[in-house]
Structures are given as structure tokens and as C-alpha cells.
Amino acid sequence: MSKQVLVIAAHPDDEVLGVGGTIARHVQQGDHVSVLVLTDGVTARHAVTEPQKEAAHKACRALGVQDVHFGDLPDQRLDALPLLEVIRPISDWVKELHPQVVYTHHRGDANQDHRTVFSATLVAARPFGENPIERLLCYEVASSTEWAPSFADWAFLPNVFVDISATLEAKLAAIEAYRETFESEVKPYPHPRSPEAIQVYAQHRGIAVGMQAAEAFVLVRELVKV
């Protein structure tokens, strides 16, 4: 049976870096995937926002996704907003889409927007009433998750691994959509957001579990219905 999947991203490109191969796999399995990008992703650096949205649509199409939404919240300022303002767009789309599976940021990322999105998602996805969310997972983002301090309570300790051996090329194609933004989001190797590094990260996670390539997640909650 196909599932409704919601991927929540603080910035355009987070959805590809963290979940790109898994998104493509969901699509291939017949699941319906929606992507919610909460901020413009660039106004902390410059005011040219439209290329980021265009790149997000192009990247998601490369993964097989047409359903992309934007919260238009300010880049790198989510921690300055009342948390309710971040919760609201997530909650609205949870109510609209009724996802069974939700992917969001990890609470220990170096990026403050990522940490705020995690906190907001926990509220929007709380398990009560008719909330249909069966699996809630956190993903890692290259150049943020691994740059967090090495404190135990910040650590990304994955316990779910998804085989993306067959969809890694789609992930690499999707990240190329962000190369032509006003300031390119694709960096030269060995930057973590270079295509070469993205492939290495996928191979590293795959090696840990006997796969050619994988994406890693922390399972926050899984509901098993009887």
C-alpha cells in the first residue's frame, strides 16, 4: 500500500542532502512525497530568493517529486521567531496531507534553523487524536550535522539505514539543480556539499551496513497499530 510522505526542510537543498536518495526510492515504490521548505534559504547572505525556489522545484523533479511547498520564513532567523510561527506551516501541511511518514532535521545540527525545525516538528507531529503519522525520522545534512560539537547530547546516532544504491545517481542529479543559484550551493571538493563528497557520504553510510550506498536516519517514533 502506498504511503503519504512529508519531508520537512529548513532550506532549499536540505531535502536533497539529507533525504534525496530515500525520496527517489519512495517515489519508485509508488509513495506520494511532498516537500515543505520553510525558509528562503538565502536572505542571511543576499536578497535574490527566486533562484532557490526554481532550484528546489528542479531538484525535486529530478527525484520524481512535483509537490513542493514553501513557508517563506526568514533564513537563519527561525530561532528569533516565536516557535508557533514555525510550527504553524508544518502543522498546516500535516493536516492537509495526512502523512504516514515524516522526515525532519536532527536536534543536534550546527545550524540553528535546523534545530528550530526539529523542535517545531515535534509539536506538529505529536501523536494524539487522529494524527496519522506512523514514522518520524531525523536526517543528517552535510556541512551541518557533522559540524556540530562532539557532545553526547548533540550526537547524530543513526539507527535506520535506507539502501540508496539504485537512487544515488538521482540524488547527485538533484543536487546539480542548486549549482546555478545566485550563489551556488554546490561547492568544490572536499566541501561536504560537493557531488564527490555527497557520494562519499553515501558510500560511508552504506559500508556501515553492507550496502553500496545508504542514507542514515534517527528514528524518533514509530507507531505500530494493532
Protein backbone atom coordinates (compact mmCIF):
# COMPACT_ATOMS: atom_id res chain seq x y z
CA MET A 1 0.00 0.00 0.00
CA SER A 2 1.37 3.40 -0.95
CA LYS A 3 2.13 5.96 1.74
CA GLN A 4 1.96 9.72 2.09
CA VAL A 5 5.44 11.03 2.89
CA LEU A 6 6.32 14.55 4.08
CA VAL A 7 9.89 15.84 4.00
CA ILE A 8 10.43 18.99 6.07
CA ALA A 9 13.47 21.09 5.19
CA ALA A 10 14.68 24.33 6.72
CA HIS A 11 16.39 25.45 3.49
CA PRO A 12 16.31 24.61 -0.20
CA ASP A 13 18.87 21.80 -0.75
CA ASP A 14 18.43 20.23 2.72
CA GLU A 15 15.83 17.88 1.22
CA VAL A 16 18.37 16.57 -1.32
CA LEU A 17 21.37 16.42 1.01
CA GLY A 18 19.50 14.56 3.74
CA VAL A 19 16.79 12.53 2.03
CA GLY A 20 17.39 12.72 -1.73
CA GLY A 21 18.06 9.05 -2.35
CA THR A 22 15.29 7.98 0.02
CA ILE A 23 12.81 10.36 -1.64
CA ALA A 24 13.57 8.83 -5.04
CA ARG A 25 13.14 5.37 -3.55
CA HIS A 26 9.75 6.30 -2.06
CA VAL A 27 8.63 7.58 -5.45
CA GLN A 28 9.78 4.41 -7.19
CA GLN A 29 7.78 2.38 -4.68
CA GLY A 30 4.62 4.33 -5.53
CA ASP A 31 4.52 6.56 -2.45
CA HIS A 32 3.39 10.19 -2.72
CA VAL A 33 6.12 12.53 -1.47
CA SER A 34 5.61 16.17 -0.55
CA VAL A 35 8.44 18.55 0.34
CA LEU A 36 7.99 21.55 2.64
CA VAL A 37 10.83 24.11 2.58
CA LEU A 38 10.36 26.52 5.45
CA THR A 39 12.79 29.38 4.70
CA ASP A 40 14.01 31.22 1.63
CA GLY A 41 17.46 29.83 2.33
CA VAL A 42 19.46 32.89 1.28
CA THR A 43 18.40 36.22 2.82
CA ALA A 44 21.06 35.94 5.51
CA ARG A 45 23.51 36.34 2.58
CA HIS A 46 21.64 38.22 -0.18
CA ALA A 47 18.14 39.19 -1.33
CA VAL A 48 17.84 37.09 -4.52
CA THR A 49 15.43 34.35 -3.43
CA GLU A 50 13.65 33.23 -6.61
CA PRO A 51 16.52 31.06 -7.95
CA GLN A 52 16.35 28.99 -4.77
CA LYS A 53 12.69 28.14 -5.36
CA GLU A 54 13.35 27.35 -9.01
CA ALA A 55 16.24 25.10 -7.99
CA ALA A 56 14.10 23.35 -5.38
CA HIS A 57 11.41 22.56 -7.96
CA LYS A 58 14.04 21.33 -10.42
CA ALA A 59 15.81 19.22 -7.79
CA CYS A 60 12.59 17.64 -6.62
CA ARG A 61 11.57 16.85 -10.20
CA ALA A 62 14.88 15.01 -10.58
CA LEU A 63 13.79 12.87 -7.63
CA GLY A 64 10.29 12.36 -9.05
CA VAL A 65 8.51 14.87 -6.80
CA GLN A 66 6.10 17.53 -8.05
CA ASP A 67 4.55 18.55 -4.72
CA VAL A 68 6.81 21.27 -3.27
CA HIS A 69 5.68 23.93 -0.78
CA PHE A 70 7.40 26.97 0.72
CA GLY A 71 6.94 28.59 4.11
CA ASP A 72 8.81 31.79 3.13
CA LEU A 73 10.20 32.27 6.63
CA PRO A 74 13.46 34.24 7.06
CA ASP A 75 16.73 32.40 6.53
CA GLN A 76 18.90 31.90 9.65
CA ARG A 77 16.34 33.67 11.82
CA LEU A 78 13.98 30.88 12.84
CA ASP A 79 15.31 30.92 16.39
CA ALA A 80 14.32 34.61 16.62
CA LEU A 81 10.69 33.87 15.77
CA PRO A 82 8.07 32.66 18.23
CA LEU A 83 8.18 28.87 17.85
CA LEU A 84 4.47 28.91 16.99
CA GLU A 85 5.29 30.70 13.71
CA VAL A 86 7.48 27.76 12.69
CA ILE A 87 5.06 25.15 13.98
CA ARG A 88 2.08 26.59 12.09
CA PRO A 89 3.14 25.85 8.46
CA ILE A 90 4.30 22.36 9.44
CA SER A 91 1.07 21.67 11.29
CA ASP A 92 -0.99 23.03 8.39
CA TRP A 93 0.64 20.67 5.90
CA VAL A 94 0.41 17.70 8.27
CA LYS A 95 -3.34 18.35 8.47
CA GLU A 96 -3.58 18.85 4.69
CA LEU A 97 -1.50 15.87 3.60
CA HIS A 98 -2.11 13.31 6.38
CA PRO A 99 1.39 11.81 6.01
CA GLN A 100 2.21 8.42 7.44
CA VAL A 101 5.96 9.10 7.25
CA VAL A 102 7.69 12.37 8.16
CA TYR A 103 11.37 13.27 7.78
CA THR A 104 12.80 16.28 9.60
CA HIS A 105 16.08 17.76 10.81
CA HIS A 106 18.19 16.47 13.69
CA ARG A 107 18.15 18.32 17.01
CA GLY A 108 21.95 18.42 17.25
CA ASP A 109 22.80 20.11 13.95
CA ALA A 110 25.20 23.05 13.94
CA ASN A 111 22.65 25.13 12.02
CA GLN A 112 20.21 26.94 14.30
CA ASP A 113 17.39 26.81 11.73
CA HIS A 114 17.69 23.02 11.65
CA ARG A 115 17.40 22.79 15.41
CA THR A 116 14.33 25.02 15.45
CA VAL A 117 12.66 22.98 12.70
CA PHE A 118 13.22 19.83 14.74
CA SER A 119 11.54 21.39 17.78
CA ALA A 120 8.63 22.66 15.69
CA THR A 121 8.15 19.29 14.01
CA LEU A 122 7.94 17.52 17.36
CA VAL A 123 4.96 19.70 18.25
CA ALA A 124 3.27 19.48 14.85
CA ALA A 125 3.72 15.70 14.77
CA ARG A 126 2.70 14.92 18.33
CA PRO A 127 0.87 11.57 18.49
CA PHE A 128 -2.67 12.15 19.63
CA GLY A 129 -6.21 12.13 18.28
CA GLU A 130 -6.42 11.35 14.58
CA ASN A 131 -2.78 12.15 13.84
CA PRO A 132 -1.81 9.64 11.14
CA ILE A 133 1.99 9.87 11.44
CA GLU A 134 3.35 6.36 11.83
CA ARG A 135 7.09 7.04 11.47
CA LEU A 136 9.01 10.17 12.41
CA LEU A 137 12.69 10.24 11.46
CA CYS A 138 15.55 12.75 11.58
CA TYR A 139 18.03 13.04 8.74
CA GLU A 140 21.57 14.39 8.56
CA VAL A 141 22.68 17.32 6.40
CA ALA A 142 26.22 17.54 5.09
CA SER A 143 28.03 20.64 6.40
CA SER A 144 25.73 20.90 9.41
CA THR A 145 25.19 17.60 11.20
CA GLU A 146 28.85 16.56 11.14
CA TRP A 147 29.97 20.08 12.12
CA ALA A 148 28.08 20.01 15.41
CA PRO A 149 30.16 19.74 18.60
CA SER A 150 31.09 16.27 19.78
CA PHE A 151 28.85 16.33 22.84
CA ALA A 152 26.84 13.23 23.63
CA ASP A 153 23.51 15.05 23.64
CA TRP A 154 24.21 16.59 20.20
CA ALA A 155 25.33 13.38 18.51
CA PHE A 156 23.64 12.00 15.39
CA LEU A 157 23.40 8.28 16.18
CA PRO A 158 21.58 6.64 13.26
CA ASN A 159 19.52 3.51 13.81
CA VAL A 160 17.76 3.37 10.42
CA PHE A 161 19.61 2.96 7.12
CA VAL A 162 17.96 3.14 3.69
CA ASP A 163 19.61 1.49 0.70
CA ILE A 164 20.02 4.16 -1.99
CA SER A 165 22.34 2.16 -4.25
CA ALA A 166 19.77 2.39 -7.05
CA THR A 167 18.88 6.05 -6.44
CA LEU A 168 22.24 7.66 -5.66
CA GLU A 169 22.53 8.93 -9.24
CA ALA A 170 19.14 10.64 -8.89
CA LYS A 171 20.36 12.31 -5.70
CA LEU A 172 23.52 13.53 -7.44
CA ALA A 173 21.46 14.83 -10.37
CA ALA A 174 19.15 16.64 -7.95
CA ILE A 175 21.96 18.46 -6.15
CA GLU A 176 23.16 19.77 -9.51
CA ALA A 177 19.97 21.84 -9.65
CA TYR A 178 21.46 24.04 -6.93
CA ARG A 179 24.66 24.77 -8.85
CA GLU A 180 23.19 27.71 -10.80
CA THR A 181 21.61 29.67 -7.95
CA PHE A 182 22.65 33.29 -7.36
CA GLU A 183 25.41 32.00 -5.09
CA SER A 184 25.99 28.35 -5.93
CA GLU A 185 25.06 25.87 -3.21
CA VAL A 186 27.27 23.23 -4.89
CA LYS A 187 30.86 23.59 -3.74
CA PRO A 188 34.17 22.16 -4.97
CA TYR A 189 35.57 19.04 -3.32
CA PRO A 190 36.37 18.46 -0.46
CA HIS A 191 33.49 20.66 0.71
CA PRO A 192 30.72 18.43 2.17
CA ARG A 193 28.24 19.82 -0.39
CA SER A 194 30.29 18.85 -3.40
CA PRO A 195 28.94 15.98 -5.53
CA GLU A 196 32.09 13.96 -4.80
CA ALA A 197 31.63 14.34 -1.04
CA ILE A 198 27.92 13.51 -1.24
CA GLN A 199 28.83 10.25 -2.95
CA VAL A 200 31.49 9.52 -0.32
CA TYR A 201 28.98 10.15 2.49
CA ALA A 202 26.51 7.75 0.88
CA GLN A 203 29.18 5.10 0.44
CA HIS A 204 30.35 5.57 4.04
CA ARG A 205 26.84 5.02 5.39
CA GLY A 206 26.42 2.07 3.04
CA ILE A 207 29.66 0.42 4.14
CA ALA A 208 28.48 0.56 7.76
CA VAL A 209 25.55 -1.74 6.93
CA GLY A 210 26.77 -3.78 3.97
CA MET A 211 25.26 -1.69 1.18
CA GLN A 212 26.78 0.10 -1.79
CA ALA A 213 25.23 3.41 -0.69
CA ALA A 214 22.82 4.44 2.05
CA GLU A 215 21.21 7.35 3.86
CA ALA A 216 21.10 7.26 7.64
CA PHE A 217 18.32 8.37 9.98
CA VAL A 218 17.46 8.56 13.66
CA LEU A 219 14.06 7.06 14.38
CA VAL A 220 12.22 9.37 16.78
CA ARG A 221 8.98 7.43 16.94
CA GLU A 222 7.22 4.54 15.23
CA LEU A 223 3.60 3.67 15.84
CA VAL A 224 2.63 0.03 15.35
CA LYS A 225 -1.11 -0.25 15.02
CA VAL A 226 -2.95 -3.38 16.15
